[in-house]
Each structure stands twice: as structure tokens, then as C-alpha cells.
Amino acid sequence: MSVFKRCSVVVLALAALQGAAQAAPFTDVLDLPAMPSALVASSALRDVTLAGQRLVAVGPRGHILYSDDHGAHWQQAQVPVSADLNAVSFATPELGWAVGHDGVVLHSRDSGVHWQKQLDGRALAEQLPGTGSDNALLDVWFSDARNGYAVGVFNLLLRTVDGGEHWQPWLDHSDNPQGLHLTSLAVVGDELYITGEQGLLLKQDSERFSRVETPYAGTLFGAVGKPGVLLVYGLRGHAYRSTDGGGQWQPVSTGVNTSLTAAGVDRDGQLWLASQAGDLLLSRDDGASFSPVPQSARGPVTALATDTGNGLVLVGERGVRNQAGTPTLHP
């Protein structure tokens, strides 16, 4: 075959492929189930939590995984959407919720094996005229089987009192007139907090989330602590500690200058922090100081969970990683 004919065949083949691509119908990620993947445990993940003894993790493209052996092996859940998922919360070992981009809220009644869609951005846009259908939800938390909250971009705050069957916009229940992004929900002691941009910290006060002043003007990615100790953390390794519910704050030296993106409290009451660069820090003095933890492997961390085996399970851009608990610290 001549060079001209070969080129003509290639051009015709490419044109046919382009025409087929143009003719292929578009399927919204809200209508497209998550695709099975053998590599999902080593792919990007955004959050991880416990459902009783089971670990459940969520991530991009609708991926949800669960493990019953402390994170050694993972199975992929059945998920009706392929939207990116950002957070997961279980109120009981059986009942869980996951949230993500495109305003999606998912619910599981069987410890994370199967999921059903409760809300998406299209329905949310009907409740909030003037907003798009692509609003991202960044975190979710339930106090019990019926009462829960979800937060996201541009002061997006939702509340349910019936297990997610109905979600009420609660934007006017927060002291956030600038409409700053809300990054996380955190329970410390008996208090529920919301963190956000520009040092925003809100604390639930009956039917309202009232502002708590902080000394930091950058984005806060989360809060962690236990009765009598509250720690907030965010960009460039910044962390602040309060022992009076946010009345006064002290800066905490973390020894890192990258964003702190995850935190937790283990069953011994020790506080953990992790960074976007993979730093892992441990405090044995209620958050007054932190020390770096030796690691056999290292990678970006977006969330961590204290496993029932008293180790840590870390998730991030490289998937799941296990870390043994109670380490020997660097001096």
C-alpha cells in the first residue's frame, strides 16, 4: 500500500473515531455507577472512618472501599454515582453517609457494602435558587441514626432530622456572612464545630453555629481534641490549642511547614496530626507539643482513622497505608 493510501486510511479511521465520540451520549456522573477497579486501594482516597469494627474509605470517581481485617485487604462497594466523594461518617456500625462533589449525599444501611443516593446537586439547586448543581460537599457528620449535618463550599450547610430522607438548607444558621467555604465538621467533647476559610471556626449553640474567634487568618482544615482540649489546624503547619473552649489560644509548634490535613485521637487519648506532604505527628501531652513519627513508607495524607487494632489507617493520593500504633518517637 502506498504512503498516500496508508495516510488516507489513518485519516478516515480517525474521522470515524471522532464521529463515534461525538455521537456517544453524555452520562452525568450522578447517573453513572462507580466502575469496579482492581487498583482502587492504591488510588487516590479522601476520607476513612470506622463502621463498628469495619474500615470504610471514600474517594474520587465514586469509589468506596471497606475492610474487615484492619486494612490489610479491601473490597469495593456498590455505588450508584461516579462523582468524587470527599467524606464519610457512620452513626452506627450499619448506618453511614458519604458526601462529595455535585452536591451528592449517599446512604448505606449495611455497613458500607451498598449505597443509595439521597441527594444531589440538581435537587439541591431547586432548594437554593441561584446556585449551581455542582456545589461540593466537603464533610458530613451524624450524631445518631436521624440527626446529621453536611457542609461545603460557599457556606453550604445542610441539616437532616430524619436520617437524610430530607435535607434542609441551614445557611442562615451560621455566623458566616462572607459565605466562606466550610471545610470540616468535628466533635470535641460535647461540642460540634465547623472549620473554614480565613480562620473561621463555628460552634453549635442550640439552633445556630456561632463564631469562635481564632488567632489565625488562613484556612483551617479541621479541629480535633477531647474534653478540655481543642486543637485547630490548617495551612503551612499552623496549629492552635485552647483549653477553655476557644476563649484563649496558644500556638503549637508542629515542626512542619506544609498543610496539616488530617487529625485523630487514638484509644489511649493521644492526638495525631498528618500533613499534605506525609508528615505524621504525635502528641502525648494533650496537644501541647508534637513529635515526628518514624514511618516505613511516606505519602500525602488526606485523612486518618484509629483502627480497632490500635494502629492507624492513613489515606491520600496514593491510596491506603497502615501505620503501627504507639511508636518510638524521634528526640
Protein backbone atom coordinates (compact mmCIF):
# COMPACT_ATOMS: atom_id res chain seq x y z
CA MET A 1 0.00 0.00 0.00
CA SER A 2 1.32 3.44 -0.93
CA VAL A 3 2.17 6.04 1.67
CA PHE A 4 -0.71 8.16 0.37
CA LYS A 5 -3.19 5.32 0.79
CA ARG A 6 -1.90 4.48 4.25
CA CYS A 7 -2.31 8.11 5.30
CA SER A 8 -5.80 8.18 3.82
CA VAL A 9 -6.78 5.08 5.80
CA VAL A 10 -5.45 6.62 9.01
CA VAL A 11 -7.30 9.87 8.36
CA LEU A 12 -10.56 8.03 7.65
CA ALA A 13 -10.13 5.88 10.78
CA LEU A 14 -9.51 8.94 12.95
CA ALA A 15 -12.52 10.67 11.46
CA ALA A 16 -14.68 7.64 12.20
CA LEU A 17 -13.45 7.54 15.79
CA GLN A 18 -14.09 11.26 16.21
CA GLY A 19 -17.58 10.88 14.82
CA ALA A 20 -18.30 7.98 17.16
CA ALA A 21 -17.03 10.00 20.11
CA GLN A 22 -19.21 12.94 19.14
CA ALA A 23 -22.22 10.67 18.79
CA ALA A 24 -21.70 8.97 22.15
CA PRO A 25 -24.37 10.14 24.61
CA PHE A 26 -23.25 12.08 27.66
CA THR A 27 -23.93 10.44 31.02
CA ASP A 28 -23.89 12.62 34.12
CA VAL A 29 -21.64 11.32 36.90
CA LEU A 30 -24.74 11.44 39.12
CA ASP A 31 -26.33 8.79 36.91
CA LEU A 32 -23.23 6.70 36.24
CA PRO A 33 -22.40 3.95 38.79
CA ALA A 34 -18.83 3.77 40.06
CA MET A 35 -16.70 1.45 37.95
CA PRO A 36 -15.04 -1.56 39.60
CA SER A 37 -11.24 -1.31 39.79
CA ALA A 38 -8.65 -3.81 40.99
CA LEU A 39 -6.33 -0.90 41.83
CA VAL A 40 -8.77 1.13 43.89
CA ALA A 41 -6.93 0.59 47.21
CA SER A 42 -3.80 2.16 45.73
CA SER A 43 -5.66 5.01 44.03
CA ALA A 44 -6.48 8.42 45.49
CA LEU A 45 -8.77 8.43 48.54
CA ARG A 46 -10.18 11.35 50.54
CA ASP A 47 -11.53 10.02 53.85
CA VAL A 48 -11.61 6.94 56.07
CA THR A 49 -13.63 6.05 59.17
CA LEU A 50 -14.83 3.14 61.29
CA ALA A 51 -18.19 1.42 60.96
CA GLY A 52 -18.06 -0.69 64.08
CA GLN A 53 -15.04 -2.96 63.50
CA ARG A 54 -15.04 -2.27 59.75
CA LEU A 55 -12.98 0.39 57.99
CA VAL A 56 -14.69 2.38 55.21
CA ALA A 57 -12.87 4.75 52.83
CA VAL A 58 -14.12 7.05 50.04
CA GLY A 59 -12.52 8.86 47.13
CA PRO A 60 -12.76 10.15 43.56
CA ARG A 61 -15.00 8.63 40.88
CA GLY A 62 -17.46 7.32 43.44
CA HIS A 63 -15.00 4.84 44.92
CA ILE A 64 -15.94 3.41 48.32
CA LEU A 65 -13.93 0.60 49.93
CA TYR A 66 -14.33 -1.46 53.08
CA SER A 67 -12.01 -3.71 55.06
CA ASP A 68 -12.69 -6.21 57.84
CA ASP A 69 -9.06 -7.09 58.60
CA HIS A 70 -7.61 -3.78 59.83
CA GLY A 71 -6.92 -2.53 56.31
CA ALA A 72 -4.88 -5.48 55.03
CA HIS A 73 -7.44 -6.27 52.32
CA TRP A 74 -10.17 -4.11 50.80
CA GLN A 75 -13.36 -4.73 48.85
CA GLN A 76 -15.13 -2.21 46.62
CA ALA A 77 -18.68 -1.21 47.49
CA GLN A 78 -21.57 -0.83 45.07
CA VAL A 79 -22.11 2.90 44.50
CA PRO A 80 -24.75 4.45 42.18
CA VAL A 81 -22.69 7.52 41.22
CA SER A 82 -19.19 8.25 39.94
CA ALA A 83 -18.96 11.74 41.42
CA ASP A 84 -15.88 12.47 43.54
CA LEU A 85 -16.54 11.69 47.21
CA ASN A 86 -14.89 13.72 49.99
CA ALA A 87 -16.10 12.43 53.36
CA VAL A 88 -17.83 9.55 55.12
CA SER A 89 -19.47 9.20 58.55
CA PHE A 90 -21.18 6.33 60.37
CA ALA A 91 -23.69 6.93 63.16
CA THR A 92 -23.95 3.20 63.94
CA PRO A 93 -21.99 0.19 62.68
CA GLU A 94 -24.67 -0.23 60.00
CA LEU A 95 -25.82 3.30 59.09
CA GLY A 96 -23.44 5.54 57.15
CA TRP A 97 -23.41 8.61 54.90
CA ALA A 98 -20.94 9.86 52.30
CA VAL A 99 -20.83 13.25 50.57
CA GLY A 100 -18.96 14.78 47.67
CA HIS A 101 -18.95 16.93 44.59
CA ASP A 102 -22.09 17.72 42.61
CA GLY A 103 -23.96 18.03 45.92
CA VAL A 104 -24.16 14.27 46.30
CA VAL A 105 -25.23 12.56 49.54
CA LEU A 106 -25.14 8.75 49.72
CA HIS A 107 -26.53 6.45 52.42
CA SER A 108 -25.68 2.88 53.42
CA ARG A 109 -27.73 0.62 55.67
CA ASP A 110 -25.40 -2.39 55.57
CA SER A 111 -22.07 -1.10 56.92
CA GLY A 112 -20.91 0.34 53.62
CA VAL A 113 -21.41 -2.56 51.21
CA HIS A 114 -24.27 -0.98 49.24
CA TRP A 115 -25.10 2.72 48.85
CA GLN A 116 -28.16 4.68 47.72
CA LYS A 117 -28.34 8.32 46.65
CA GLN A 118 -30.32 10.61 48.98
CA LEU A 119 -29.49 14.00 47.44
CA ASP A 120 -27.64 15.51 44.51
CA GLY A 121 -26.83 18.96 43.17
CA ARG A 122 -29.78 19.03 40.83
CA ALA A 123 -32.27 18.65 43.68
CA LEU A 124 -30.21 20.98 45.85
CA ALA A 125 -30.31 23.72 43.21
CA GLU A 126 -34.10 23.62 43.35
CA GLN A 127 -33.97 24.30 47.10
CA LEU A 128 -31.32 27.02 46.73
CA PRO A 129 -32.25 29.12 43.67
CA GLY A 130 -29.31 30.92 42.15
CA THR A 131 -26.81 28.19 42.98
CA GLY A 132 -25.37 25.70 40.53
CA SER A 133 -25.82 21.96 40.60
CA ASP A 134 -22.07 21.39 41.07
CA ASN A 135 -21.75 22.63 44.67
CA ALA A 136 -19.28 20.45 46.54
CA LEU A 137 -20.00 18.98 49.97
CA LEU A 138 -16.76 18.56 51.92
CA ASP A 139 -17.78 16.85 55.15
CA VAL A 140 -20.65 15.04 56.88
CA TRP A 141 -21.41 14.02 60.46
CA PHE A 142 -24.30 12.26 62.19
CA SER A 143 -24.95 12.23 65.93
CA ASP A 144 -27.36 9.29 65.64
CA ALA A 145 -29.48 7.48 63.06
CA ARG A 146 -31.63 10.55 62.35
CA ASN A 147 -29.75 13.79 63.04
CA GLY A 148 -26.89 14.95 60.86
CA TYR A 149 -25.14 17.82 59.08
CA ALA A 150 -23.22 18.29 55.85
CA VAL A 151 -21.01 21.27 54.94
CA GLY A 152 -19.32 22.53 51.81
CA VAL A 153 -18.32 25.42 49.60
CA PHE A 154 -19.73 28.96 49.91
CA ASN A 155 -21.21 28.43 53.38
CA LEU A 156 -23.16 25.38 52.21
CA LEU A 157 -24.70 23.96 55.38
CA LEU A 158 -27.37 21.26 55.36
CA ARG A 159 -29.27 19.61 58.22
CA THR A 160 -31.42 16.48 58.43
CA VAL A 161 -33.58 15.18 61.28
CA ASP A 162 -34.88 12.06 59.51
CA GLY A 163 -31.75 10.14 58.54
CA GLY A 164 -31.23 12.02 55.30
CA GLU A 165 -34.65 11.46 53.77
CA HIS A 166 -34.94 15.25 53.68
CA TRP A 167 -32.15 17.85 53.90
CA GLN A 168 -32.82 21.43 54.97
CA PRO A 169 -30.55 24.29 53.84
CA TRP A 170 -29.22 25.88 57.02
CA LEU A 171 -27.07 28.62 55.54
CA ASP A 172 -28.78 31.30 57.62
CA HIS A 173 -28.00 29.40 60.83
CA SER A 174 -24.26 30.15 60.70
CA ASP A 175 -22.28 33.28 61.54
CA ASN A 176 -20.60 33.36 58.13
CA PRO A 177 -21.85 36.48 56.33
CA GLN A 178 -18.97 36.36 53.84
CA GLY A 179 -20.05 32.96 52.59
CA LEU A 180 -16.66 31.38 53.26
CA HIS A 181 -16.08 27.74 52.40
CA LEU A 182 -16.80 25.31 55.25
CA THR A 183 -14.12 22.63 55.33
CA SER A 184 -14.98 20.20 58.13
CA LEU A 185 -17.26 19.11 60.96
CA ALA A 186 -15.66 17.96 64.21
CA VAL A 187 -16.95 16.82 67.59
CA VAL A 188 -14.71 17.68 70.54
CA GLY A 189 -16.09 16.63 73.90
CA ASP A 190 -19.78 17.51 73.74
CA GLU A 191 -19.33 20.35 71.24
CA LEU A 192 -19.82 20.33 67.47
CA TYR A 193 -17.51 22.62 65.47
CA ILE A 194 -17.26 23.71 61.85
CA THR A 195 -13.97 24.95 60.39
CA GLY A 196 -13.49 27.08 57.28
CA GLU A 197 -11.54 29.66 55.36
CA GLN A 198 -9.85 32.73 56.88
CA GLY A 199 -9.60 31.21 60.36
CA LEU A 200 -13.33 30.54 60.52
CA LEU A 201 -14.40 28.42 63.49
CA LEU A 202 -18.08 27.93 64.34
CA LYS A 203 -19.53 26.18 67.39
CA GLN A 204 -23.05 24.85 67.60
CA ASP A 205 -25.16 26.82 70.03
CA SER A 206 -28.68 25.40 70.13
CA GLU A 207 -30.18 26.20 66.71
CA ARG A 208 -27.19 28.18 65.46
CA PHE A 209 -23.50 27.87 64.69
CA SER A 210 -21.84 30.85 66.38
CA ARG A 211 -18.41 32.20 65.55
CA VAL A 212 -15.44 31.49 67.82
CA GLU A 213 -12.57 33.92 67.32
CA THR A 214 -9.23 32.37 66.41
CA PRO A 215 -5.77 33.97 66.03
CA TYR A 216 -5.27 32.52 62.55
CA ALA A 217 -6.33 34.16 59.27
CA GLY A 218 -5.61 31.23 56.96
CA THR A 219 -7.76 28.26 56.05
CA LEU A 220 -8.48 25.80 58.83
CA PHE A 221 -8.84 22.23 57.58
CA GLY A 222 -10.13 20.70 60.81
CA ALA A 223 -10.41 20.52 64.57
CA VAL A 224 -9.60 17.71 66.98
CA GLY A 225 -9.38 17.19 70.73
CA LYS A 226 -11.10 15.76 73.78
CA PRO A 227 -12.87 17.20 76.83
CA GLY A 228 -10.86 20.23 77.95
CA VAL A 229 -8.61 20.39 74.87
CA LEU A 230 -9.42 21.87 71.45
CA LEU A 231 -6.89 21.94 68.60
CA VAL A 232 -7.43 23.57 65.19
CA TYR A 233 -5.05 23.11 62.27
CA GLY A 234 -4.55 24.32 58.73
CA LEU A 235 -2.17 25.76 56.15
CA ARG A 236 1.64 25.74 56.38
CA GLY A 237 1.76 23.61 59.52
CA HIS A 238 -0.20 26.06 61.66
CA ALA A 239 -1.99 24.68 64.72
CA TYR A 240 -3.52 26.38 67.76
CA ARG A 241 -4.64 24.95 71.09
CA SER A 242 -7.30 26.08 73.55
CA THR A 243 -8.17 24.66 76.95
CA ASP A 244 -11.21 26.87 77.56
CA GLY A 245 -13.39 26.17 74.53
CA GLY A 246 -11.81 28.78 72.29
CA GLY A 247 -11.64 31.71 74.69
CA GLN A 248 -7.85 31.80 74.58
CA TRP A 249 -5.41 30.20 72.16
CA GLN A 250 -1.77 29.19 72.17
CA PRO A 251 0.22 28.43 69.00
CA VAL A 252 1.52 24.87 68.78
CA SER A 253 4.92 24.18 67.25
CA THR A 254 4.45 21.32 64.79
CA GLY A 255 7.88 21.42 63.15
CA VAL A 256 6.40 21.27 59.65
CA ASN A 257 5.58 23.97 57.11
CA THR A 258 3.17 22.07 54.88
CA SER A 259 -0.59 22.00 55.28
CA LEU A 260 -1.97 19.85 58.09
CA THR A 261 -4.81 17.90 56.51
CA ALA A 262 -5.81 15.15 58.95
CA ALA A 263 -6.09 14.51 62.68
CA GLY A 264 -7.40 11.98 65.16
CA VAL A 265 -7.47 10.75 68.75
CA ASP A 266 -6.48 7.17 69.48
CA ARG A 267 -7.93 4.95 72.19
CA ASP A 268 -5.13 5.96 74.56
CA GLY A 269 -6.17 9.63 74.23
CA GLN A 270 -3.12 10.61 72.18
CA LEU A 271 -3.55 13.25 69.46
CA TRP A 272 -2.31 12.69 65.90
CA LEU A 273 -1.73 15.12 63.04
CA ALA A 274 -0.78 14.38 59.44
CA SER A 275 0.25 16.65 56.59
CA GLN A 276 -0.19 17.00 52.87
CA ALA A 277 3.49 16.08 52.49
CA GLY A 278 3.12 12.88 54.51
CA ASP A 279 4.39 14.09 57.89
CA LEU A 280 2.93 12.13 60.81
CA LEU A 281 2.98 13.79 64.25
CA LEU A 282 2.01 12.51 67.69
CA SER A 283 1.22 14.34 70.94
CA ARG A 284 1.31 12.62 74.31
CA ASP A 285 0.60 15.81 76.27
CA ASP A 286 -2.90 16.71 75.03
CA GLY A 287 -1.69 18.70 72.04
CA ALA A 288 0.75 20.99 73.84
CA SER A 289 3.59 19.59 71.71
CA PHE A 290 4.03 17.17 68.81
CA SER A 291 6.87 14.91 67.73
CA PRO A 292 7.51 13.33 64.30
CA VAL A 293 6.74 9.63 63.99
CA PRO A 294 9.12 7.30 62.09
CA GLN A 295 7.47 5.75 59.03
CA SER A 296 8.44 2.83 56.82
CA ALA A 297 6.57 4.46 53.93
CA ARG A 298 5.53 8.03 53.30
CA GLY A 299 2.92 9.76 51.17
CA PRO A 300 0.39 12.60 51.21
CA VAL A 301 -2.35 12.17 53.82
CA THR A 302 -5.91 13.48 53.48
CA ALA A 303 -7.48 11.55 56.40
CA LEU A 304 -6.66 9.06 59.12
CA ALA A 305 -8.57 6.67 61.37
CA THR A 306 -7.55 4.91 64.54
CA ASP A 307 -8.10 1.25 63.78
CA THR A 308 -9.58 -1.16 66.31
CA GLY A 309 -6.22 -2.97 66.27
CA ASN A 310 -4.70 0.21 67.81
CA GLY A 311 -2.88 1.18 64.65
CA LEU A 312 -3.55 3.99 62.21
CA VAL A 313 -5.00 3.76 58.73
CA LEU A 314 -3.96 6.67 56.51
CA VAL A 315 -5.44 7.55 53.13
CA GLY A 316 -4.32 10.00 50.48
CA GLU A 317 -3.32 10.40 46.85
CA ARG A 318 -1.55 7.01 46.87
CA GLY A 319 -4.38 5.07 48.45
CA VAL A 320 -4.32 3.27 51.81
CA ARG A 321 -1.38 2.96 54.17
CA ASN A 322 -1.19 1.32 57.60
CA GLN A 323 0.86 2.68 60.47
CA ALA A 324 1.58 0.79 63.69
CA GLY A 325 0.42 2.50 66.88
CA THR A 326 2.45 3.56 69.96
CA PRO A 327 5.73 4.28 68.12
CA THR A 328 9.15 5.18 69.43
CA LEU A 329 9.44 8.91 68.77
CA HIS A 330 12.37 10.92 67.49
CA PRO A 331 14.00 13.01 70.25
